[in-house]
């Protein structure tokens, strides 16, 4: 039976989407991946099951490229410079590529996002508040981008934030480690196996 003490807890899965992770996704097709990123879904799947069984929430954020005229997506200049391979159909709303990877699905709540922070111009805060969530376990990609921005924005909104150090990844280990260290002042840092619900 679900534990009422976990009703205010959510596992926040940041951007663990097919277009980022699956070999046939936008990044996979462009050869833009890293073993640390690919390893996250199987590593996080047991925790998802544990949170579900305890009555907590699974919340997924979905980076989204909003299509404009002719299906050409709106892409910020900095992202276009970093990822020139992105184009029509990638991270499109409702697409397979935008969806949470199968190993972690389904999420209880899913929120589209258009920038690094999942709170920026999204309904995430509203959804979490409606669900009664006050504690967040944060996992996903990339540690120095979407994860870091989301953790900081959660902290200023007075959520109790726990960063799952081995539940996040970046495109290289040094960047991941530096981002984790920079987040220690604003979040508790622990591991998937050590986290308490």
N, C-alpha and C. Protein backbone atom coordinates (compact mmCIF):
# COMPACT_ATOMS: atom_id res chain seq x y z
N UNK A 1 0.84 -1.20 0.00
CA UNK A 1 0.00 0.00 0.00
C UNK A 1 0.88 1.25 0.00
N UNK A 2 0.56 2.28 -0.82
CA UNK A 2 1.38 3.48 -0.86
C UNK A 2 1.49 4.14 0.51
N UNK A 3 2.65 4.71 0.77
CA UNK A 3 2.94 5.38 2.03
C UNK A 3 2.51 6.84 1.94
N UNK A 4 1.60 7.31 2.79
CA UNK A 4 1.16 8.71 2.73
C UNK A 4 2.31 9.70 2.92
N UNK A 5 3.40 9.27 3.55
CA UNK A 5 4.51 10.18 3.81
C UNK A 5 5.27 10.54 2.54
N UNK A 6 5.02 9.82 1.45
CA UNK A 6 5.70 10.14 0.19
C UNK A 6 4.79 10.89 -0.78
N UNK A 7 3.60 11.28 -0.34
CA UNK A 7 2.67 11.97 -1.23
C UNK A 7 3.20 13.32 -1.69
N UNK A 8 4.14 13.90 -0.93
CA UNK A 8 4.69 15.21 -1.31
C UNK A 8 6.02 15.09 -2.04
N UNK A 9 6.36 13.88 -2.48
CA UNK A 9 7.65 13.60 -3.11
C UNK A 9 7.49 13.35 -4.60
N UNK A 10 8.39 13.93 -5.40
CA UNK A 10 8.41 13.64 -6.83
C UNK A 10 9.83 13.35 -7.28
N UNK A 11 9.95 12.35 -8.14
CA UNK A 11 11.19 12.10 -8.87
C UNK A 11 11.07 12.89 -10.16
N UNK A 12 11.89 13.92 -10.30
CA UNK A 12 11.84 14.80 -11.47
C UNK A 12 12.89 14.34 -12.48
N UNK A 13 12.41 13.82 -13.60
CA UNK A 13 13.28 13.30 -14.66
C UNK A 13 13.45 14.39 -15.71
N UNK A 14 14.61 14.98 -15.75
CA UNK A 14 14.87 16.10 -16.65
C UNK A 14 15.35 15.62 -18.02
N UNK A 15 14.48 15.74 -19.01
CA UNK A 15 14.87 15.62 -20.42
C UNK A 15 15.40 14.24 -20.82
N UNK A 16 14.92 13.21 -20.19
CA UNK A 16 15.35 11.85 -20.55
C UNK A 16 14.47 11.35 -21.69
N UNK A 17 14.71 11.94 -22.85
CA UNK A 17 13.85 11.80 -24.02
C UNK A 17 14.53 11.01 -25.12
N UNK A 18 13.71 10.44 -25.99
CA UNK A 18 14.25 9.66 -27.10
C UNK A 18 15.19 10.47 -27.98
N UNK A 19 14.85 11.71 -28.29
CA UNK A 19 15.70 12.51 -29.17
C UNK A 19 17.07 12.79 -28.57
N UNK A 20 17.18 12.76 -27.24
CA UNK A 20 18.47 12.91 -26.59
C UNK A 20 19.21 11.58 -26.46
N UNK A 21 18.48 10.50 -26.14
CA UNK A 21 19.12 9.28 -25.66
C UNK A 21 19.08 8.11 -26.63
N UNK A 22 17.98 7.91 -27.30
CA UNK A 22 17.83 6.73 -28.18
C UNK A 22 18.76 6.85 -29.39
N UNK A 23 19.36 5.75 -29.82
CA UNK A 23 20.24 5.80 -31.00
C UNK A 23 19.56 6.35 -32.26
N UNK A 24 18.24 6.19 -32.36
CA UNK A 24 17.52 6.71 -33.52
C UNK A 24 16.98 8.12 -33.30
N UNK A 25 17.26 8.69 -32.13
CA UNK A 25 16.83 10.05 -31.84
C UNK A 25 17.72 11.08 -32.52
N UNK A 26 17.37 12.34 -32.38
CA UNK A 26 18.09 13.43 -33.06
C UNK A 26 19.57 13.45 -32.70
N UNK A 27 19.90 13.32 -31.43
CA UNK A 27 21.30 13.35 -31.01
C UNK A 27 22.01 12.07 -31.44
N UNK A 28 21.35 10.92 -31.31
CA UNK A 28 21.96 9.66 -31.71
C UNK A 28 22.30 9.64 -33.19
N UNK A 29 21.39 10.11 -34.02
CA UNK A 29 21.63 10.15 -35.47
C UNK A 29 22.81 11.05 -35.81
N UNK A 30 23.04 12.08 -34.99
CA UNK A 30 24.14 13.01 -35.24
C UNK A 30 25.43 12.59 -34.54
N UNK A 31 25.40 11.44 -33.87
CA UNK A 31 26.60 10.98 -33.16
C UNK A 31 26.92 11.79 -31.92
N UNK A 32 25.92 12.45 -31.36
CA UNK A 32 26.10 13.32 -30.19
C UNK A 32 25.56 12.63 -28.94
N UNK A 33 26.35 11.75 -28.38
CA UNK A 33 25.92 11.07 -27.17
C UNK A 33 27.14 10.84 -26.29
N UNK A 34 26.90 10.21 -25.17
CA UNK A 34 27.98 9.87 -24.24
C UNK A 34 27.54 8.64 -23.47
N UNK A 35 28.47 7.74 -23.17
CA UNK A 35 28.11 6.52 -22.43
C UNK A 35 27.42 6.82 -21.10
N UNK A 36 27.85 7.88 -20.43
CA UNK A 36 27.24 8.23 -19.14
C UNK A 36 25.77 8.60 -19.29
N UNK A 37 25.44 9.26 -20.40
CA UNK A 37 24.05 9.63 -20.65
C UNK A 37 23.23 8.40 -21.01
N UNK A 38 23.76 7.55 -21.87
CA UNK A 38 23.05 6.35 -22.28
C UNK A 38 22.78 5.41 -21.12
N UNK A 39 23.63 5.46 -20.09
CA UNK A 39 23.49 4.55 -18.94
C UNK A 39 22.41 4.97 -17.97
N UNK A 40 21.88 6.18 -18.09
CA UNK A 40 20.93 6.69 -17.08
C UNK A 40 19.61 5.93 -17.01
N UNK A 41 18.92 5.66 -18.14
CA UNK A 41 17.61 5.00 -18.00
C UNK A 41 17.65 3.68 -17.24
N UNK A 42 18.53 2.73 -17.57
CA UNK A 42 18.52 1.49 -16.77
C UNK A 42 18.94 1.71 -15.33
N UNK A 43 19.76 2.71 -15.08
CA UNK A 43 20.17 3.00 -13.70
C UNK A 43 19.02 3.58 -12.89
N UNK A 44 18.18 4.38 -13.54
CA UNK A 44 17.08 5.05 -12.84
C UNK A 44 15.80 4.23 -12.77
N UNK A 45 15.66 3.23 -13.63
CA UNK A 45 14.41 2.45 -13.67
C UNK A 45 14.03 1.85 -12.32
N UNK A 46 14.97 1.24 -11.57
CA UNK A 46 14.57 0.70 -10.25
C UNK A 46 14.08 1.77 -9.29
N UNK A 47 14.67 2.98 -9.35
CA UNK A 47 14.21 4.06 -8.48
C UNK A 47 12.82 4.51 -8.88
N UNK A 48 12.55 4.59 -10.18
CA UNK A 48 11.19 4.92 -10.63
C UNK A 48 10.18 3.94 -10.04
N UNK A 49 10.50 2.66 -10.11
CA UNK A 49 9.60 1.64 -9.57
C UNK A 49 9.42 1.81 -8.07
N UNK A 50 10.50 2.14 -7.39
CA UNK A 50 10.45 2.33 -5.93
C UNK A 50 9.58 3.53 -5.56
N UNK A 51 9.74 4.64 -6.28
CA UNK A 51 8.95 5.84 -6.01
C UNK A 51 7.47 5.58 -6.29
N UNK A 52 7.19 4.90 -7.41
CA UNK A 52 5.79 4.57 -7.73
C UNK A 52 5.18 3.71 -6.63
N UNK A 53 5.90 2.69 -6.20
CA UNK A 53 5.37 1.77 -5.19
C UNK A 53 5.13 2.47 -3.87
N UNK A 54 5.93 3.49 -3.58
CA UNK A 54 5.79 4.22 -2.32
C UNK A 54 4.72 5.31 -2.38
N UNK A 55 4.14 5.54 -3.56
CA UNK A 55 3.10 6.55 -3.69
C UNK A 55 3.59 7.92 -4.06
N UNK A 56 4.89 8.05 -4.44
CA UNK A 56 5.41 9.32 -4.90
C UNK A 56 5.04 9.55 -6.36
N UNK A 57 5.41 10.71 -6.85
CA UNK A 57 5.10 11.11 -8.22
C UNK A 57 6.31 10.93 -9.12
N UNK A 58 6.07 10.53 -10.37
CA UNK A 58 7.10 10.56 -11.41
C UNK A 58 6.73 11.73 -12.32
N UNK A 59 7.63 12.71 -12.40
CA UNK A 59 7.38 13.90 -13.21
C UNK A 59 8.49 14.01 -14.25
N UNK A 60 8.12 14.09 -15.50
CA UNK A 60 9.12 14.20 -16.56
C UNK A 60 9.03 15.56 -17.23
N UNK A 61 10.20 16.13 -17.51
CA UNK A 61 10.25 17.36 -18.29
C UNK A 61 10.72 17.01 -19.69
N UNK A 62 10.20 17.75 -20.66
CA UNK A 62 10.44 17.42 -22.07
C UNK A 62 10.91 18.66 -22.82
N UNK A 63 12.21 18.69 -23.13
CA UNK A 63 12.69 19.78 -23.96
C UNK A 63 11.93 19.74 -25.28
N UNK A 64 11.49 20.91 -25.73
CA UNK A 64 10.60 20.99 -26.89
C UNK A 64 11.08 22.07 -27.85
N UNK A 65 11.12 21.71 -29.13
CA UNK A 65 11.36 22.70 -30.17
C UNK A 65 10.01 22.97 -30.84
N UNK A 66 9.48 24.15 -30.59
CA UNK A 66 8.16 24.50 -31.10
C UNK A 66 8.26 24.79 -32.59
N UNK A 67 7.47 24.09 -33.40
CA UNK A 67 7.54 24.33 -34.84
C UNK A 67 6.86 25.63 -35.24
N UNK A 68 7.51 26.33 -36.16
CA UNK A 68 6.92 27.53 -36.73
C UNK A 68 6.38 27.25 -38.12
N UNK A 69 6.44 28.21 -38.99
CA UNK A 69 5.92 28.04 -40.35
C UNK A 69 6.67 26.94 -41.08
N UNK A 70 5.90 26.11 -41.76
CA UNK A 70 6.50 25.02 -42.52
C UNK A 70 7.14 23.95 -41.66
N UNK A 71 6.85 23.97 -40.35
CA UNK A 71 7.42 22.97 -39.45
C UNK A 71 8.83 23.27 -39.00
N UNK A 72 9.42 24.37 -39.47
CA UNK A 72 10.77 24.74 -39.06
C UNK A 72 10.74 25.20 -37.61
N UNK A 73 11.50 24.55 -36.73
CA UNK A 73 11.39 24.86 -35.30
C UNK A 73 12.08 26.17 -34.93
N UNK A 74 11.54 26.80 -33.90
CA UNK A 74 12.20 27.95 -33.29
C UNK A 74 13.37 27.42 -32.47
N UNK A 75 14.58 27.79 -32.83
CA UNK A 75 15.78 27.33 -32.12
C UNK A 75 16.57 28.55 -31.69
N UNK A 76 16.90 28.63 -30.40
CA UNK A 76 17.65 29.78 -29.90
C UNK A 76 19.02 29.83 -30.57
N UNK A 77 19.58 31.03 -30.73
CA UNK A 77 20.88 31.16 -31.40
C UNK A 77 21.99 30.33 -30.75
N UNK A 78 22.03 30.30 -29.41
CA UNK A 78 23.11 29.54 -28.77
C UNK A 78 22.97 28.04 -29.06
N UNK A 79 21.75 27.53 -29.09
CA UNK A 79 21.55 26.12 -29.37
C UNK A 79 21.84 25.81 -30.84
N UNK A 80 21.50 26.71 -31.72
CA UNK A 80 21.79 26.50 -33.14
C UNK A 80 23.30 26.41 -33.37
N UNK A 81 24.06 27.23 -32.63
CA UNK A 81 25.53 27.16 -32.75
C UNK A 81 26.06 25.84 -32.21
N UNK A 82 25.52 25.40 -31.06
CA UNK A 82 26.00 24.17 -30.43
C UNK A 82 25.55 22.92 -31.17
N UNK A 83 24.31 22.91 -31.67
CA UNK A 83 23.72 21.72 -32.26
C UNK A 83 23.12 22.05 -33.64
N UNK A 84 23.98 22.33 -34.62
CA UNK A 84 23.47 22.73 -35.94
C UNK A 84 22.69 21.64 -36.66
N UNK A 85 22.76 20.40 -36.17
CA UNK A 85 22.05 19.29 -36.81
C UNK A 85 20.56 19.27 -36.50
N UNK A 86 20.11 20.04 -35.52
CA UNK A 86 18.69 20.02 -35.17
C UNK A 86 17.84 20.64 -36.26
N UNK A 87 16.70 20.01 -36.54
CA UNK A 87 15.85 20.53 -37.60
C UNK A 87 14.40 20.14 -37.42
N UNK A 88 13.64 20.25 -38.49
CA UNK A 88 12.20 19.97 -38.46
C UNK A 88 11.93 18.57 -37.95
N UNK A 89 11.00 18.45 -37.03
CA UNK A 89 10.61 17.17 -36.47
C UNK A 89 11.33 16.79 -35.20
N UNK A 90 12.50 17.37 -34.95
CA UNK A 90 13.26 17.05 -33.74
C UNK A 90 12.60 17.71 -32.53
N UNK A 91 12.41 16.94 -31.48
CA UNK A 91 11.83 17.43 -30.22
C UNK A 91 10.48 18.11 -30.45
N UNK A 92 9.76 17.67 -31.46
CA UNK A 92 8.46 18.28 -31.79
C UNK A 92 7.41 17.85 -30.77
N UNK A 93 6.50 18.74 -30.40
CA UNK A 93 5.46 18.40 -29.43
C UNK A 93 4.68 17.16 -29.86
N UNK A 94 4.55 16.21 -28.94
CA UNK A 94 3.78 15.00 -29.20
C UNK A 94 4.49 13.94 -30.02
N UNK A 95 5.73 14.19 -30.40
CA UNK A 95 6.46 13.24 -31.24
C UNK A 95 7.12 12.15 -30.40
N UNK A 96 7.52 11.07 -31.08
CA UNK A 96 8.27 10.01 -30.42
C UNK A 96 9.57 10.56 -29.84
N UNK A 97 10.24 11.41 -30.57
CA UNK A 97 11.52 11.95 -30.11
C UNK A 97 11.40 12.79 -28.86
N UNK A 98 10.29 13.49 -28.70
CA UNK A 98 10.09 14.34 -27.54
C UNK A 98 9.72 13.52 -26.30
N UNK A 99 9.29 12.29 -26.49
CA UNK A 99 8.74 11.47 -25.40
C UNK A 99 9.81 10.95 -24.44
N UNK A 100 9.38 10.66 -23.23
CA UNK A 100 10.21 10.00 -22.22
C UNK A 100 10.59 8.61 -22.73
N UNK A 101 11.85 8.21 -22.48
CA UNK A 101 12.30 6.89 -22.93
C UNK A 101 11.45 5.79 -22.28
N UNK A 102 11.28 4.71 -23.02
CA UNK A 102 10.39 3.63 -22.58
C UNK A 102 10.76 3.05 -21.23
N UNK A 103 12.06 2.96 -20.93
CA UNK A 103 12.49 2.32 -19.68
C UNK A 103 11.97 3.03 -18.44
N UNK A 104 11.65 4.31 -18.57
CA UNK A 104 11.22 5.11 -17.42
C UNK A 104 9.74 5.48 -17.46
N UNK A 105 9.11 5.24 -18.57
CA UNK A 105 7.69 5.59 -18.73
C UNK A 105 6.80 4.59 -18.00
N UNK A 106 5.59 5.02 -17.65
CA UNK A 106 5.02 6.34 -17.90
C UNK A 106 5.28 7.29 -16.74
N UNK A 107 5.29 8.57 -17.04
CA UNK A 107 5.33 9.58 -15.98
C UNK A 107 3.91 9.88 -15.53
N UNK A 108 3.78 10.26 -14.27
CA UNK A 108 2.47 10.70 -13.78
C UNK A 108 2.11 12.08 -14.32
N UNK A 109 3.12 12.91 -14.43
CA UNK A 109 2.95 14.27 -14.93
C UNK A 109 4.07 14.57 -15.91
N UNK A 110 3.74 15.20 -17.02
CA UNK A 110 4.74 15.55 -18.03
C UNK A 110 4.61 17.03 -18.35
N UNK A 111 5.74 17.70 -18.47
CA UNK A 111 5.75 19.15 -18.69
C UNK A 111 6.71 19.49 -19.81
N UNK A 112 6.22 20.21 -20.82
CA UNK A 112 7.10 20.70 -21.88
C UNK A 112 7.92 21.88 -21.35
N UNK A 113 9.15 21.98 -21.86
CA UNK A 113 10.01 23.12 -21.51
C UNK A 113 10.71 23.61 -22.76
N UNK A 114 11.10 24.89 -22.75
CA UNK A 114 11.70 25.48 -23.94
C UNK A 114 13.09 26.03 -23.69
N UNK A 115 13.58 25.91 -22.45
CA UNK A 115 14.90 26.43 -22.11
C UNK A 115 15.56 25.49 -21.11
N UNK A 116 16.73 25.87 -20.60
CA UNK A 116 17.42 25.00 -19.65
C UNK A 116 16.55 24.66 -18.45
N UNK A 117 16.07 25.67 -17.74
CA UNK A 117 15.28 25.42 -16.55
C UNK A 117 13.89 24.91 -16.90
N UNK A 118 13.48 23.85 -16.23
CA UNK A 118 12.13 23.31 -16.45
C UNK A 118 11.06 24.22 -15.87
N UNK A 119 11.45 25.21 -15.06
CA UNK A 119 10.49 26.14 -14.50
C UNK A 119 10.25 27.35 -15.40
N UNK A 120 11.16 27.61 -16.33
CA UNK A 120 11.08 28.82 -17.14
C UNK A 120 9.95 28.72 -18.16
N UNK A 121 8.97 29.62 -18.05
CA UNK A 121 7.85 29.69 -18.98
C UNK A 121 7.14 28.35 -19.19
N UNK A 122 7.02 27.58 -18.11
CA UNK A 122 6.34 26.28 -18.19
C UNK A 122 5.28 26.22 -17.09
N UNK A 123 4.55 25.12 -17.07
CA UNK A 123 3.52 24.94 -16.04
C UNK A 123 4.03 24.06 -14.89
N UNK A 124 5.35 23.82 -14.82
CA UNK A 124 5.88 22.88 -13.82
C UNK A 124 5.52 23.27 -12.40
N UNK A 125 5.75 24.51 -12.03
CA UNK A 125 5.47 24.93 -10.65
C UNK A 125 3.99 24.75 -10.32
N UNK A 126 3.12 25.13 -11.24
CA UNK A 126 1.68 24.98 -11.03
C UNK A 126 1.31 23.51 -10.83
N UNK A 127 1.85 22.64 -11.67
CA UNK A 127 1.54 21.21 -11.58
C UNK A 127 2.04 20.62 -10.27
N UNK A 128 3.27 20.94 -9.89
CA UNK A 128 3.82 20.42 -8.64
C UNK A 128 2.99 20.89 -7.45
N UNK A 129 2.62 22.15 -7.46
CA UNK A 129 1.82 22.67 -6.34
C UNK A 129 0.45 22.02 -6.27
N UNK A 130 -0.18 21.82 -7.42
CA UNK A 130 -1.49 21.14 -7.45
C UNK A 130 -1.39 19.72 -6.94
N UNK A 131 -0.26 19.06 -7.24
CA UNK A 131 -0.06 17.67 -6.80
C UNK A 131 0.37 17.58 -5.34
N UNK A 132 0.66 18.72 -4.72
CA UNK A 132 1.10 18.72 -3.33
C UNK A 132 2.55 18.36 -3.14
N UNK A 133 3.35 18.51 -4.19
CA UNK A 133 4.77 18.14 -4.12
C UNK A 133 5.56 19.27 -3.46
N UNK A 134 6.38 18.91 -2.47
CA UNK A 134 7.29 19.86 -1.83
C UNK A 134 8.72 19.36 -1.83
N UNK A 135 8.90 18.05 -2.10
CA UNK A 135 10.25 17.46 -2.12
C UNK A 135 10.53 16.92 -3.52
N UNK A 136 11.70 17.26 -4.05
CA UNK A 136 12.09 16.82 -5.38
C UNK A 136 13.38 16.03 -5.34
N UNK A 137 13.35 14.87 -5.96
CA UNK A 137 14.57 14.12 -6.29
C UNK A 137 14.84 14.42 -7.76
N UNK A 138 15.99 14.98 -8.06
CA UNK A 138 16.24 15.44 -9.42
C UNK A 138 17.27 14.55 -10.10
N UNK A 139 16.91 14.12 -11.32
CA UNK A 139 17.79 13.29 -12.14
C UNK A 139 17.66 13.75 -13.58
N UNK A 140 18.61 13.38 -14.42
CA UNK A 140 18.47 13.67 -15.84
C UNK A 140 19.69 14.27 -16.48
N UNK A 141 19.45 14.97 -17.59
CA UNK A 141 20.54 15.55 -18.38
C UNK A 141 20.20 16.99 -18.75
N UNK A 142 21.27 17.72 -19.07
CA UNK A 142 22.64 17.48 -18.69
C UNK A 142 22.89 18.16 -17.36
N UNK A 143 23.83 17.62 -16.59
CA UNK A 143 24.03 18.10 -15.23
C UNK A 143 24.31 19.60 -15.18
N UNK A 144 25.12 20.07 -16.12
CA UNK A 144 25.53 21.47 -16.12
C UNK A 144 24.55 22.38 -16.84
N UNK A 145 23.51 21.83 -17.44
CA UNK A 145 22.54 22.63 -18.18
C UNK A 145 21.17 22.58 -17.55
N UNK A 146 20.29 21.74 -18.12
CA UNK A 146 18.92 21.66 -17.64
C UNK A 146 18.81 21.26 -16.18
N UNK A 147 19.65 20.32 -15.74
CA UNK A 147 19.57 19.87 -14.35
C UNK A 147 19.96 21.00 -13.41
N UNK A 148 21.11 21.64 -13.65
CA UNK A 148 21.58 22.69 -12.75
C UNK A 148 20.60 23.86 -12.70
N UNK A 149 20.09 24.28 -13.86
CA UNK A 149 19.14 25.40 -13.89
C UNK A 149 17.86 25.06 -13.16
N UNK A 150 17.37 23.84 -13.34
CA UNK A 150 16.14 23.42 -12.69
C UNK A 150 16.31 23.30 -11.18
N UNK A 151 17.43 22.75 -10.75
CA UNK A 151 17.71 22.62 -9.31
C UNK A 151 17.74 24.00 -8.66
N UNK A 152 18.43 24.94 -9.28
CA UNK A 152 18.52 26.28 -8.69
C UNK A 152 17.15 26.97 -8.65
N UNK A 153 16.38 26.82 -9.72
CA UNK A 153 15.05 27.43 -9.73
C UNK A 153 14.12 26.77 -8.72
N UNK A 154 14.28 25.47 -8.50
CA UNK A 154 13.47 24.79 -7.48
C UNK A 154 13.83 25.28 -6.08
N UNK A 155 15.11 25.49 -5.85
CA UNK A 155 15.56 25.93 -4.53
C UNK A 155 15.01 27.31 -4.19
N UNK A 156 14.99 28.23 -5.15
CA UNK A 156 14.48 29.57 -4.84
C UNK A 156 12.96 29.57 -4.68
N UNK A 157 12.31 28.49 -5.11
CA UNK A 157 10.87 28.35 -4.91
C UNK A 157 10.54 27.55 -3.65
N UNK A 158 11.56 27.29 -2.85
CA UNK A 158 11.42 26.64 -1.54
C UNK A 158 11.04 25.17 -1.60
N UNK A 159 11.35 24.50 -2.70
CA UNK A 159 11.25 23.04 -2.71
C UNK A 159 12.47 22.47 -1.99
N UNK A 160 12.29 21.36 -1.31
CA UNK A 160 13.41 20.63 -0.73
C UNK A 160 13.99 19.77 -1.85
N UNK A 161 15.19 20.10 -2.29
CA UNK A 161 15.76 19.49 -3.49
C UNK A 161 16.90 18.54 -3.14
N UNK A 162 16.82 17.34 -3.69
CA UNK A 162 17.90 16.36 -3.58
C UNK A 162 18.37 16.03 -4.98
N UNK A 163 19.64 16.24 -5.24
CA UNK A 163 20.25 15.91 -6.52
C UNK A 163 20.80 14.50 -6.45
N UNK A 164 20.41 13.67 -7.41
CA UNK A 164 20.92 12.30 -7.48
C UNK A 164 22.17 12.31 -8.34
N UNK A 165 23.31 12.30 -7.69
CA UNK A 165 24.58 12.48 -8.38
C UNK A 165 24.81 11.46 -9.49
N UNK A 166 24.48 10.21 -9.23
CA UNK A 166 24.66 9.18 -10.26
C UNK A 166 23.40 9.00 -11.11
N UNK A 167 22.42 9.84 -10.89
CA UNK A 167 21.21 9.84 -11.72
C UNK A 167 21.24 10.96 -12.75
N UNK A 168 22.37 11.65 -12.84
CA UNK A 168 22.55 12.74 -13.80
C UNK A 168 23.81 12.47 -14.61
N UNK A 169 23.91 13.13 -15.74
CA UNK A 169 25.11 12.99 -16.56
C UNK A 169 25.26 14.20 -17.46
N UNK A 170 26.49 14.42 -17.89
CA UNK A 170 26.81 15.44 -18.88
C UNK A 170 27.57 14.74 -20.01
N UNK A 171 28.02 15.53 -20.97
CA UNK A 171 28.72 14.93 -22.11
C UNK A 171 30.16 14.57 -21.78
N UNK A 172 30.65 15.00 -20.61
CA UNK A 172 31.95 14.50 -20.13
C UNK A 172 31.93 14.51 -18.60
N UNK A 173 32.74 13.64 -18.03
CA UNK A 173 32.72 13.41 -16.59
C UNK A 173 33.18 14.63 -15.80
N UNK A 174 34.19 15.32 -16.30
CA UNK A 174 34.71 16.49 -15.57
C UNK A 174 33.64 17.57 -15.45
N UNK A 175 32.90 17.81 -16.51
CA UNK A 175 31.84 18.82 -16.47
C UNK A 175 30.74 18.40 -15.50
N UNK A 176 30.39 17.12 -15.51
CA UNK A 176 29.39 16.60 -14.57
C UNK A 176 29.82 16.83 -13.13
N UNK A 177 31.06 16.46 -12.82
CA UNK A 177 31.54 16.59 -11.44
C UNK A 177 31.57 18.05 -10.99
N UNK A 178 32.02 18.94 -11.87
CA UNK A 178 32.07 20.36 -11.52
C UNK A 178 30.67 20.90 -11.26
N UNK A 179 29.71 20.48 -12.06
CA UNK A 179 28.33 20.95 -11.88
C UNK A 179 27.75 20.45 -10.56
N UNK A 180 28.02 19.19 -10.23
CA UNK A 180 27.53 18.65 -8.95
C UNK A 180 28.11 19.43 -7.78
N UNK A 181 29.39 19.70 -7.81
CA UNK A 181 30.02 20.44 -6.72
C UNK A 181 29.41 21.84 -6.59
N UNK A 182 29.12 22.46 -7.71
CA UNK A 182 28.55 23.81 -7.69
C UNK A 182 27.13 23.82 -7.13
N UNK A 183 26.45 22.68 -7.15
CA UNK A 183 25.07 22.62 -6.67
C UNK A 183 24.97 22.25 -5.18
N UNK A 184 26.06 21.86 -4.57
CA UNK A 184 26.00 21.44 -3.16
C UNK A 184 25.46 22.53 -2.23
N UNK A 185 25.71 23.81 -2.48
CA UNK A 185 25.14 24.83 -1.57
C UNK A 185 23.61 24.95 -1.66
N UNK A 186 23.00 24.46 -2.73
CA UNK A 186 21.55 24.67 -2.90
C UNK A 186 20.73 23.38 -2.87
N UNK A 187 21.40 22.24 -2.82
CA UNK A 187 20.67 20.97 -2.82
C UNK A 187 21.42 19.93 -2.02
N UNK A 188 20.67 19.01 -1.45
CA UNK A 188 21.30 17.83 -0.86
C UNK A 188 21.78 16.97 -2.03
N UNK A 189 22.94 16.37 -1.89
CA UNK A 189 23.48 15.52 -2.96
C UNK A 189 23.64 14.11 -2.40
N UNK A 190 23.07 13.15 -3.13
CA UNK A 190 23.19 11.75 -2.71
C UNK A 190 23.18 10.87 -3.95
N UNK A 191 23.10 9.57 -3.73
CA UNK A 191 23.10 8.62 -4.84
C UNK A 191 21.75 7.92 -4.93
N UNK A 192 21.54 7.24 -6.03
CA UNK A 192 20.28 6.51 -6.24
C UNK A 192 20.08 5.48 -5.13
N UNK A 193 21.11 4.72 -4.81
CA UNK A 193 20.96 3.66 -3.81
C UNK A 193 20.81 4.20 -2.40
N UNK A 194 21.40 5.36 -2.13
CA UNK A 194 21.40 5.89 -0.76
C UNK A 194 20.21 6.79 -0.46
N UNK A 195 19.48 7.21 -1.49
CA UNK A 195 18.41 8.18 -1.25
C UNK A 195 17.29 7.56 -0.42
N UNK A 196 16.79 8.35 0.51
CA UNK A 196 15.65 7.89 1.31
C UNK A 196 14.40 8.60 0.81
N UNK A 197 13.31 7.84 0.77
CA UNK A 197 12.03 8.40 0.34
C UNK A 197 11.26 8.90 1.56
